[in-house]
C-alpha atoms as a PDB file:
ATOM      1  CA  MET A   1      43.247  99.186   1.707  1.00  0.00           C
ATOM      2  CA  PRO A   2      41.337 101.225  -0.465  1.00  0.00           C
ATOM      3  CA  PRO A   3      38.120  99.791  -2.105  1.00  0.00           C
ATOM      4  CA  ALA A   4      39.785 100.128  -5.544  1.00  0.00           C
ATOM      5  CA  ARG A   5      43.205  98.224  -4.445  1.00  0.00           C
ATOM      6  CA  LEU A   6      41.209  95.528  -2.415  1.00  0.00           C
ATOM      7  CA  THR A   7      39.168  94.582  -5.623  1.00  0.00           C
ATOM      8  CA  VAL A   8      42.354  94.385  -7.870  1.00  0.00           C
ATOM      9  CA  GLY A   9      44.148  92.388  -5.423  1.00  0.00           C
ATOM     10  CA  LEU A  10      41.095  89.773  -5.009  1.00  0.00           C
ATOM     11  CA  LYS A  11      40.635  89.802  -8.798  1.00  0.00           C
ATOM     12  CA  ILE A  12      44.534  89.163  -9.184  1.00  0.00           C
ATOM     13  CA  GLY A  13      44.649  86.610  -6.616  1.00  0.00           C
ATOM     14  CA  THR A  14      41.483  84.962  -7.676  1.00  0.00           C
ATOM     15  CA  VAL A  15      42.920  84.555 -11.307  1.00  0.00           C
ATOM     16  CA  LEU A  16      46.053  83.205 -10.308  1.00  0.00           C
ATOM     17  CA  LEU A  17      44.497  80.511  -8.174  1.00  0.00           C
ATOM     18  CA  SER A  18      42.100  79.582 -11.304  1.00  0.00           C
ATOM     19  CA  VAL A  19      45.596  78.882 -13.235  1.00  0.00           C
ATOM     20  CA  TYR A  20      46.651  76.898 -10.483  1.00  0.00           C
ATOM     21  CA  ALA A  21      43.546  74.889 -10.310  1.00  0.00           C
ATOM     22  CA  ALA A  22      43.678  74.828 -13.872  1.00  0.00           C
ATOM     23  CA  LEU A  23      47.227  73.209 -13.929  1.00  0.00           C
ATOM     24  CA  ALA A  24      46.418  70.588 -11.040  1.00  0.00           C
ATOM     25  CA  LEU A  25      43.594  69.609 -12.925  1.00  0.00           C
ATOM     26  CA  SER A  26      45.611  69.237 -16.286  1.00  0.00           C
ATOM     27  CA  SER A  27      48.148  67.300 -14.848  1.00  0.00           C
ATOM     28  CA  LEU A  28      45.711  64.373 -14.200  1.00  0.00           C
ATOM     29  CA  SER A  29      45.798  63.968 -18.129  1.00  0.00           C
ATOM     30  CA  SER A  30      47.877  61.664 -20.111  1.00  0.00           C
ATOM     31  CA  VAL A  31      49.925  64.914 -21.983  1.00  0.00           C
ATOM     32  CA  TYR A  32      51.610  65.479 -18.941  1.00  0.00           C
ATOM     33  CA  ASP A  33      52.347  61.939 -17.984  1.00  0.00           C
ATOM     34  CA  ALA A  34      54.179  61.781 -21.364  1.00  0.00           C
ATOM     35  CA  GLY A  35      56.110  64.979 -20.671  1.00  0.00           C
ATOM     36  CA  LEU A  36      57.437  63.113 -17.448  1.00  0.00           C
ATOM     37  CA  THR A  37      59.061  60.432 -19.444  1.00  0.00           C
ATOM     38  CA  ILE A  38      62.880  60.377 -19.103  1.00  0.00           C
ATOM     39  CA  GLU A  39      64.472  61.047 -22.606  1.00  0.00           C
ATOM     40  CA  VAL A  40      68.306  61.441 -22.128  1.00  0.00           C
ATOM     41  CA  GLY A  41      68.718  62.967 -25.641  1.00  0.00           C
ATOM     42  CA  SER A  42      66.232  65.801 -24.560  1.00  0.00           C
ATOM     43  CA  ARG A  43      68.041  66.564 -21.796  1.00  0.00           C
ATOM     44  CA  LEU A  44      68.459  70.315 -20.357  1.00  0.00           C
ATOM     45  CA  LEU A  45      67.251  72.111 -23.487  1.00  0.00           C
ATOM     46  CA  ALA A  46      66.599  75.532 -22.990  1.00  0.00           C
ATOM     47  CA  PRO A  47      63.021  76.912 -22.930  1.00  0.00           C
ATOM     48  CA  SER A  48      61.142  76.827 -26.767  1.00  0.00           C
ATOM     49  CA  ALA A  49      58.297  76.080 -28.497  1.00  0.00           C
ATOM     50  CA  ALA A  50      58.598  72.571 -28.105  1.00  0.00           C
ATOM     51  CA  HIS A  51      58.983  72.929 -24.450  1.00  0.00           C
ATOM     52  CA  TRP A  52      57.873  76.005 -23.099  1.00  0.00           C
ATOM     53  CA  PHE A  53      59.921  75.738 -19.387  1.00  0.00           C
ATOM     54  CA  GLY A  54      62.846  73.815 -20.698  1.00  0.00           C
ATOM     55  CA  THR A  55      63.846  70.170 -19.799  1.00  0.00           C
ATOM     56  CA  ASP A  56      65.828  68.940 -16.805  1.00  0.00           C
ATOM     57  CA  ALA A  57      68.842  66.821 -16.530  1.00  0.00           C
ATOM     58  CA  LEU A  58      66.712  63.771 -17.553  1.00  0.00           C
ATOM     59  CA  GLY A  59      65.007  65.038 -20.540  1.00  0.00           C
ATOM     60  CA  ARG A  60      61.802  65.537 -18.667  1.00  0.00           C
ATOM     61  CA  ASP A  61      59.313  68.546 -19.706  1.00  0.00           C
ATOM     62  CA  VAL A  62      59.680  71.352 -16.820  1.00  0.00           C
ATOM     63  CA  LEU A  63      56.430  72.724 -17.538  1.00  0.00           C
ATOM     64  CA  ALA A  64      54.810  69.060 -17.043  1.00  0.00           C
ATOM     65  CA  LEU A  65      57.014  68.815 -13.777  1.00  0.00           C
ATOM     66  CA  VAL A  66      55.674  72.355 -12.290  1.00  0.00           C
ATOM     67  CA  ALA A  67      52.100  71.077 -13.481  1.00  0.00           C
ATOM     68  CA  VAL A  68      52.017  67.926 -11.341  1.00  0.00           C
ATOM     69  CA  GLY A  69      54.121  69.855  -8.659  1.00  0.00           C
ATOM     70  CA  THR A  70      51.345  71.867  -8.378  1.00  0.00           C
ATOM     71  CA  ARG A  71      48.689  69.159  -7.658  1.00  0.00           C
ATOM     72  CA  THR A  72      51.423  67.369  -5.155  1.00  0.00           C
ATOM     73  CA  SER A  73      52.441  70.815  -3.394  1.00  0.00           C
ATOM     74  CA  LEU A  74      48.857  72.078  -3.297  1.00  0.00           C
ATOM     75  CA  GLY A  75      47.192  68.677  -1.914  1.00  0.00           C
ATOM     76  CA  VAL A  76      49.803  68.308   0.630  1.00  0.00           C
ATOM     77  CA  ALA A  77      49.144  72.111   1.717  1.00  0.00           C
ATOM     78  CA  LEU A  78      45.180  71.353   1.591  1.00  0.00           C
ATOM     79  CA  ALA A  79      45.564  68.366   3.626  1.00  0.00           C
ATOM     80  CA  ALA A  80      47.482  69.900   6.231  1.00  0.00           C
ATOM     81  CA  VAL A  81      45.383  73.019   6.717  1.00  0.00           C
ATOM     82  CA  ALA A  82      42.144  70.789   6.579  1.00  0.00           C
ATOM     83  CA  ALA A  83      43.884  68.686   9.710  1.00  0.00           C
ATOM     84  CA  GLY A  84      44.398  71.803  11.459  1.00  0.00           C
ATOM     85  CA  LEU A  85      40.784  73.225  10.870  1.00  0.00           C
ATOM     86  CA  LEU A  86      39.300  69.987  12.012  1.00  0.00           C
ATOM     87  CA  CYS A  87      41.344  69.524  15.209  1.00  0.00           C
ATOM     88  CA  GLY A  88      41.936  73.048  16.198  1.00  0.00           C
ATOM     89  CA  VAL A  89      38.269  74.818  15.451  1.00  0.00           C
ATOM     90  CA  PRO A  90      36.595  72.139  17.685  1.00  0.00           C
ATOM     91  CA  LEU A  91      39.413  72.401  20.490  1.00  0.00           C
ATOM     92  CA  GLY A  92      39.151  76.231  20.537  1.00  0.00           C
ATOM     93  CA  LEU A  93      35.468  76.254  20.528  1.00  0.00           C
ATOM     94  CA  LEU A  94      34.703  73.870  23.428  1.00  0.00           C
ATOM     95  CA  ALA A  95      37.834  75.286  25.712  1.00  0.00           C
ATOM     96  CA  ALA A  96      35.753  78.802  25.135  1.00  0.00           C
ATOM     97  CA  ALA A  97      32.809  77.360  25.968  1.00  0.00           C
ATOM     98  CA  ARG A  98      33.767  75.026  28.756  1.00  0.00           C
ATOM     99  CA  GLY A  99      36.324  77.507  30.302  1.00  0.00           C
ATOM    100  CA  GLY A 100      38.468  76.504  33.561  1.00  0.00           C
ATOM    101  CA  LEU A 101      40.792  73.251  32.994  1.00  0.00           C
ATOM    102  CA  ALA A 102      39.944  72.515  29.431  1.00  0.00           C
ATOM    103  CA  ASP A 103      40.926  76.164  28.592  1.00  0.00           C
ATOM    104  CA  ASP A 104      43.970  76.325  30.376  1.00  0.00           C
ATOM    105  CA  ALA A 105      44.794  72.628  29.156  1.00  0.00           C
ATOM    106  CA  LEU A 106      44.503  74.062  25.595  1.00  0.00           C
ATOM    107  CA  ALA A 107      46.936  76.743  26.100  1.00  0.00           C
ATOM    108  CA  ARG A 108      49.640  75.065  27.560  1.00  0.00           C
ATOM    109  CA  ALA A 109      49.130  71.987  24.660  1.00  0.00           C
ATOM    110  CA  GLY A 110      49.604  75.109  22.525  1.00  0.00           C
ATOM    111  CA  ASP A 111      52.789  76.486  23.961  1.00  0.00           C
ATOM    112  CA  LEU A 112      54.172  72.895  23.608  1.00  0.00           C
ATOM    113  CA  VAL A 113      53.546  72.532  19.913  1.00  0.00           C
ATOM    114  CA  PHE A 114      54.758  76.005  19.318  1.00  0.00           C
ATOM    115  CA  ALA A 115      57.775  74.889  20.897  1.00  0.00           C
ATOM    116  CA  PHE A 116      58.738  72.705  18.208  1.00  0.00           C
ATOM    117  CA  PRO A 117      59.148  74.017  14.731  1.00  0.00           C
ATOM    118  CA  SER A 118      57.614  71.968  12.117  1.00  0.00           C
ATOM    119  CA  LEU A 119      60.778  71.103  10.555  1.00  0.00           C
ATOM    120  CA  LEU A 120      61.861  69.833  13.667  1.00  0.00           C
ATOM    121  CA  LEU A 121      58.756  67.968  13.842  1.00  0.00           C
ATOM    122  CA  ALA A 122      59.286  66.705  10.272  1.00  0.00           C
ATOM    123  CA  VAL A 123      62.880  65.562  11.066  1.00  0.00           C
ATOM    124  CA  LEU A 124      61.553  63.215  14.134  1.00  0.00           C
ATOM    125  CA  LEU A 125      58.626  62.110  12.147  1.00  0.00           C
ATOM    126  CA  ALA A 126      60.714  60.754   9.159  1.00  0.00           C
ATOM    127  CA  ALA A 127      63.265  59.280  11.795  1.00  0.00           C
ATOM    128  CA  ALA A 128      60.370  57.196  13.054  1.00  0.00           C
ATOM    129  CA  ALA A 129      58.332  56.613   9.747  1.00  0.00           C
ATOM    130  CA  GLY A 130      60.426  57.903   6.943  1.00  0.00           C
ATOM    131  CA  PRO A 131      60.131  60.831   4.617  1.00  0.00           C
ATOM    132  CA  GLY A 132      56.994  61.101   2.327  1.00  0.00           C
ATOM    133  CA  ALA A 133      54.149  63.146   1.660  1.00  0.00           C
ATOM    134  CA  MET A 134      52.124  61.996   4.638  1.00  0.00           C
ATOM    135  CA  THR A 135      55.143  63.060   7.235  1.00  0.00           C
ATOM    136  CA  ALA A 136      55.016  66.684   5.643  1.00  0.00           C
ATOM    137  CA  VAL A 137      51.276  66.381   6.077  1.00  0.00           C
ATOM    138  CA  ILE A 138      51.236  65.571   9.680  1.00  0.00           C
ATOM    139  CA  ALA A 139      54.196  67.891  10.784  1.00  0.00           C
ATOM    140  CA  ILE A 140      52.511  71.081   8.909  1.00  0.00           C
ATOM    141  CA  GLY A 141      49.208  69.844  10.263  1.00  0.00           C
ATOM    142  CA  VAL A 142      50.314  69.510  13.989  1.00  0.00           C
ATOM    143  CA  PHE A 143      51.715  72.921  13.842  1.00  0.00           C
ATOM    144  CA  ASN A 144      48.184  74.407  12.360  1.00  0.00           C
ATOM    145  CA  VAL A 145      46.051  72.934  15.072  1.00  0.00           C
ATOM    146  CA  PRO A 146      47.151  75.594  18.075  1.00  0.00           C
ATOM    147  CA  VAL A 147      46.940  78.443  15.223  1.00  0.00           C
ATOM    148  CA  PHE A 148      43.235  77.595  14.877  1.00  0.00           C
ATOM    149  CA  ALA A 149      42.666  76.649  18.164  1.00  0.00           C
ATOM    150  CA  ARG A 150      43.990  79.963  19.439  1.00  0.00           C
ATOM    151  CA  LEU A 151      42.287  81.906  17.152  1.00  0.00           C
ATOM    152  CA  VAL A 152      38.923  80.488  17.806  1.00  0.00           C
ATOM    153  CA  ARG A 153      39.307  80.557  21.432  1.00  0.00           C
ATOM    154  CA  GLY A 154      40.154  83.940  21.650  1.00  0.00           C
ATOM    155  CA  ASN A 155      37.388  85.504  19.373  1.00  0.00           C
ATOM    156  CA  ALA A 156      34.759  82.861  21.294  1.00  0.00           C
ATOM    157  CA  LEU A 157      35.742  84.275  24.724  1.00  0.00           C
ATOM    158  CA  SER A 158      34.906  87.905  23.659  1.00  0.00           C
ATOM    159  CA  LEU A 159      31.319  86.170  22.418  1.00  0.00           C
ATOM    160  CA  MET A 160      30.658  84.340  26.024  1.00  0.00           C
ATOM    161  CA  GLN A 161      29.027  87.303  27.707  1.00  0.00           C
ATOM    162  CA  ARG A 162      27.006  88.254  25.046  1.00  0.00           C
ATOM    163  CA  ASP A 163      23.283  88.372  25.170  1.00  0.00           C
ATOM    164  CA  PHE A 164      22.590  85.287  22.802  1.00  0.00           C
ATOM    165  CA  VAL A 165      24.771  83.029  24.473  1.00  0.00           C
ATOM    166  CA  MET A 166      23.855  83.950  27.929  1.00  0.00           C
ATOM    167  CA  ALA A 167      19.956  82.907  27.047  1.00  0.00           C
ATOM    168  CA  ALA A 168      21.442  79.959  25.488  1.00  0.00           C
ATOM    169  CA  ARG A 169      22.640  79.084  28.860  1.00  0.00           C
ATOM    170  CA  VAL A 170      19.875  79.918  30.847  1.00  0.00           C
ATOM    171  CA  ALA A 171      17.697  77.713  28.348  1.00  0.00           C
ATOM    172  CA  GLY A 172      19.946  74.736  29.534  1.00  0.00           C
ATOM    173  CA  ARG A 173      21.651  74.272  26.259  1.00  0.00           C
ATOM    174  CA  SER A 174      24.896  71.947  26.658  1.00  0.00           C
ATOM    175  CA  THR A 175      28.489  73.146  26.118  1.00  0.00           C
ATOM    176  CA  ALA A 176      28.553  71.336  22.644  1.00  0.00           C
ATOM    177  CA  ALA A 177      25.416  73.128  21.572  1.00  0.00           C
ATOM    178  CA  ILE A 178      26.544  76.382  22.493  1.00  0.00           C
ATOM    179  CA  ALA A 179      30.041  76.030  20.774  1.00  0.00           C
ATOM    180  CA  PHE A 180      28.519  74.796  17.731  1.00  0.00           C
ATOM    181  CA  ASP A 181      25.631  76.308  17.202  1.00  0.00           C
ATOM    182  CA  HIS A 182      25.991  79.755  18.538  1.00  0.00           C
ATOM    183  CA  LEU A 183      29.740  80.669  18.627  1.00  0.00           C
ATOM    184  CA  LEU A 184      31.009  78.520  15.645  1.00  0.00           C
ATOM    185  CA  PRO A 185      28.667  80.740  13.224  1.00  0.00           C
ATOM    186  CA  ASN A 186      30.480  83.970  14.395  1.00  0.00           C
ATOM    187  CA  VAL A 187      33.626  83.440  14.089  1.00  0.00           C
ATOM    188  CA  ALA A 188      33.334  81.390  10.673  1.00  0.00           C
ATOM    189  CA  THR A 189      34.837  84.271   8.392  1.00  0.00           C
ATOM    190  CA  LEU A 190      37.867  84.539  10.619  1.00  0.00           C
ATOM    191  CA  ILE A 191      38.178  81.025  10.453  1.00  0.00           C
ATOM    192  CA  VAL A 192      38.059  81.121   6.527  1.00  0.00           C
ATOM    193  CA  VAL A 193      40.520  84.060   6.288  1.00  0.00           C
ATOM    194  CA  GLN A 194      42.973  82.564   8.695  1.00  0.00           C
ATOM    195  CA  ALA A 195      42.954  79.370   6.499  1.00  0.00           C
ATOM    196  CA  THR A 196      44.008  81.209   3.552  1.00  0.00           C
ATOM    197  CA  ILE A 197      47.018  82.660   5.249  1.00  0.00           C
ATOM    198  CA  GLN A 198      47.596  79.323   6.680  1.00  0.00           C
ATOM    199  CA  LEU A 199      47.414  77.398   3.505  1.00  0.00           C
ATOM    200  CA  SER A 200      50.049  80.159   2.058  1.00  0.00           C
ATOM    201  CA  LEU A 201      52.469  79.224   4.929  1.00  0.00           C
ATOM    202  CA  ALA A 202      51.526  75.600   4.354  1.00  0.00           C
ATOM    203  CA  ILE A 203      52.736  75.486   0.861  1.00  0.00           C
ATOM    204  CA  VAL A 204      56.163  77.101   1.522  1.00  0.00           C
ATOM    205  CA  ALA A 205      56.422  74.688   4.828  1.00  0.00           C
ATOM    206  CA  GLU A 206      55.878  71.932   2.171  1.00  0.00           C
ATOM    207  CA  ALA A 207      58.336  73.257  -0.371  1.00  0.00           C
ATOM    208  CA  GLY A 208      61.046  73.601   2.789  1.00  0.00           C
ATOM    209  CA  LEU A 209      60.329  69.894   3.769  1.00  0.00           C
ATOM    210  CA  SER A 210      60.799  68.685   0.200  1.00  0.00           C
ATOM    211  CA  TYR A 211      63.545  70.904  -0.177  1.00  0.00           C
ATOM    212  CA  VAL A 212      65.931  68.937   2.607  1.00  0.00           C
ATOM    213  CA  GLY A 213      64.206  65.485   1.641  1.00  0.00           C
ATOM    214  CA  LEU A 214      61.638  65.338   4.318  1.00  0.00           C
ATOM    215  CA  GLY A 215      58.537  65.783   1.979  1.00  0.00           C
ATOM    216  CA  VAL A 216      57.185  64.197  -0.990  1.00  0.00           C
ATOM    217  CA  GLN A 217      59.755  61.460  -2.340  1.00  0.00           C
ATOM    218  CA  PRO A 218      60.440  60.713  -5.884  1.00  0.00           C
ATOM    219  CA  PRO A 219      59.256  59.945  -8.349  1.00  0.00           C
ATOM    220  CA  ASP A 220      56.598  62.549  -7.413  1.00  0.00           C
ATOM    221  CA  PRO A 221      57.457  66.023  -8.614  1.00  0.00           C
ATOM    222  CA  SER A 222      57.390  68.750  -6.262  1.00  0.00           C
ATOM    223  CA  TRP A 223      58.351  72.550  -6.184  1.00  0.00           C
ATOM    224  CA  GLY A 224      60.622  72.438  -3.490  1.00  0.00           C
ATOM    225  CA  ARG A 225      62.550  69.165  -4.687  1.00  0.00           C
ATOM    226  CA  MET A 226      63.037  70.643  -8.112  1.00  0.00           C
ATOM    227  CA  LEU A 227      64.544  73.595  -6.611  1.00  0.00           C
ATOM    228  CA  ASN A 228      66.608  71.024  -4.658  1.00  0.00           C
ATOM    229  CA  GLU A 229      67.715  69.285  -7.845  1.00  0.00           C
ATOM    230  CA  ALA A 230      68.238  72.870  -9.520  1.00  0.00           C
ATOM    231  CA  GLN A 231      70.525  74.104  -7.239  1.00  0.00           C
ATOM    232  CA  THR A 232      73.793  72.306  -8.916  1.00  0.00           C
ATOM    233  CA  LEU A 233      72.726  73.223 -12.351  1.00  0.00           C
ATOM    234  CA  ALA A 234      71.761  77.186 -11.633  1.00  0.00           C
ATOM    235  CA  SER A 235      74.415  78.650 -13.683  1.00  0.00           C
ATOM    236  CA  SER A 236      74.275  76.494 -16.847  1.00  0.00           C
ATOM    237  CA  ALA A 237      70.082  75.477 -16.886  1.00  0.00           C
ATOM    238  CA  PRO A 238      68.872  78.455 -14.580  1.00  0.00           C
ATOM    239  CA  TRP A 239      65.230  77.793 -15.895  1.00  0.00           C
ATOM    240  CA  LEU A 240      65.100  74.612 -13.763  1.00  0.00           C
ATOM    241  CA  ALA A 241      65.085  76.988 -10.637  1.00  0.00           C
ATOM    242  CA  LEU A 242      63.354  79.761 -12.112  1.00  0.00           C
ATOM    243  CA  PHE A 243      59.931  78.412 -12.901  1.00  0.00           C
ATOM    244  CA  PRO A 244      59.232  76.150  -9.947  1.00  0.00           C
ATOM    245  CA  GLY A 245      60.410  79.278  -7.795  1.00  0.00           C
ATOM    246  CA  LEU A 246      58.188  81.546  -9.680  1.00  0.00           C
ATOM    247  CA  ALA A 247      55.080  78.847  -9.415  1.00  0.00           C
ATOM    248  CA  LEU A 248      55.978  78.950  -5.587  1.00  0.00           C
ATOM    249  CA  ALA A 249      56.024  82.797  -5.083  1.00  0.00           C
ATOM    250  CA  LEU A 250      53.024  83.397  -7.315  1.00  0.00           C
ATOM    251  CA  ALA A 251      50.902  80.739  -5.466  1.00  0.00           C
ATOM    252  CA  VAL A 252      51.878  82.549  -2.079  1.00  0.00           C
ATOM    253  CA  LEU A 253      51.254  85.930  -3.406  1.00  0.00           C
ATOM    254  CA  ALA A 254      47.679  84.929  -4.740  1.00  0.00           C
ATOM    255  CA  LEU A 255      46.804  83.487  -1.527  1.00  0.00           C
ATOM    256  CA  ASN A 256      48.135  86.394   0.473  1.00  0.00           C
ATOM    257  CA  LEU A 257      45.918  88.816  -1.955  1.00  0.00           C
ATOM    258  CA  VAL A 258      42.712  86.936  -1.669  1.00  0.00           C
ATOM    259  CA  GLY A 259      43.467  86.489   2.430  1.00  0.00           C
ATOM    260  CA  SER A 260      44.520  90.110   2.487  1.00  0.00           C
ATOM    261  CA  ALA A 261      41.468  91.393   0.671  1.00  0.00           C
ATOM    262  CA  MET A 262      38.937  88.991   2.577  1.00  0.00           C
ATOM    263  CA  ALA A 263      40.212  90.214   5.635  1.00  0.00           C
ATOM    264  CA  THR A 264      39.948  93.830   5.087  1.00  0.00           C
ATOM    265  CA  HIS A 265      36.345  93.092   3.263  1.00  0.00           C
ATOM    266  CA  LEU A 266      35.186  91.551   6.936  1.00  0.00           C
ATOM    267  CA  ASP A 267      36.637  94.360   9.239  1.00  0.00           C
ATOM    268  CA  PRO A 268      33.854  96.337  10.378  1.00  0.00           C
ATOM    269  CA  ARG A 269      36.222  99.090  10.808  1.00  0.00           C
ATOM    270  CA  SER A 270      37.064  99.097   7.205  1.00  0.00           C
ATOM    271  CA  ARG A 271      33.707  99.144   5.945  1.00  0.00           C
ATOM    272  CA  ALA A 272      32.511 102.053   8.319  1.00  0.00           C
ATOM    273  CA  GLY A 273      35.140 103.968   6.623  1.00  0.00           C
ATOM    274  CA  SER A 274      34.145 102.846   3.045  1.00  0.00           C
ATOM    275  CA  PRO A 275      31.840 105.069   1.380  1.00  0.00           C
END
């Protein structure tokens, strides 16, 4: 990506993410709590000055639902990616630093997790513990663990024969010290880029799980459940699907723009070819 396009994409993504952050924070206020109050007399009102995004079948303000849904959807996605990071990164580092049986075990465990899609895992968890936000976090988080573990392991293995790692081994440093003091700083930027990408995928996964009733449960709003509830009224009240769908699409776009810009900026080949 040329530098000019890189800068534009990064700016657009940053602005969009700032808007979502503002929506998530503003949804904590009493103004949005009032917008979630059921008012049967105001049901299915089209977008207007009084209700910018219209109202739903219960008379609730759709803008308030989207704002609170931002907090819910992003919160679940962030928690799931954080779980994947906290578990996957140490596993990948230690597997690369130790090698042998630990490395083989990580590879086989990753294959096993990838054999079960997050939706199937969520179904199993919902059957055992019931649907909810925690079910979505666990299902998406477990799927993220091998993603980060494989990324870190693959890049850390390429560093194991470098002089600074060999010197650390000769000095008698432990496996954990080599992993976290020498390998982690050299793969940190890649982890940040991958986390941005996984966050966009986690938002889509959370929406999908909520859409089929396995994610966030009422009365907490969620973009996915809003889309599910809007499908029966798509012809008479299209704004019910338009605004949560647009919020979901723009969130994914923003994260992809930022992630792409970061990946391009951190790629040595792109920097070498830039003026």
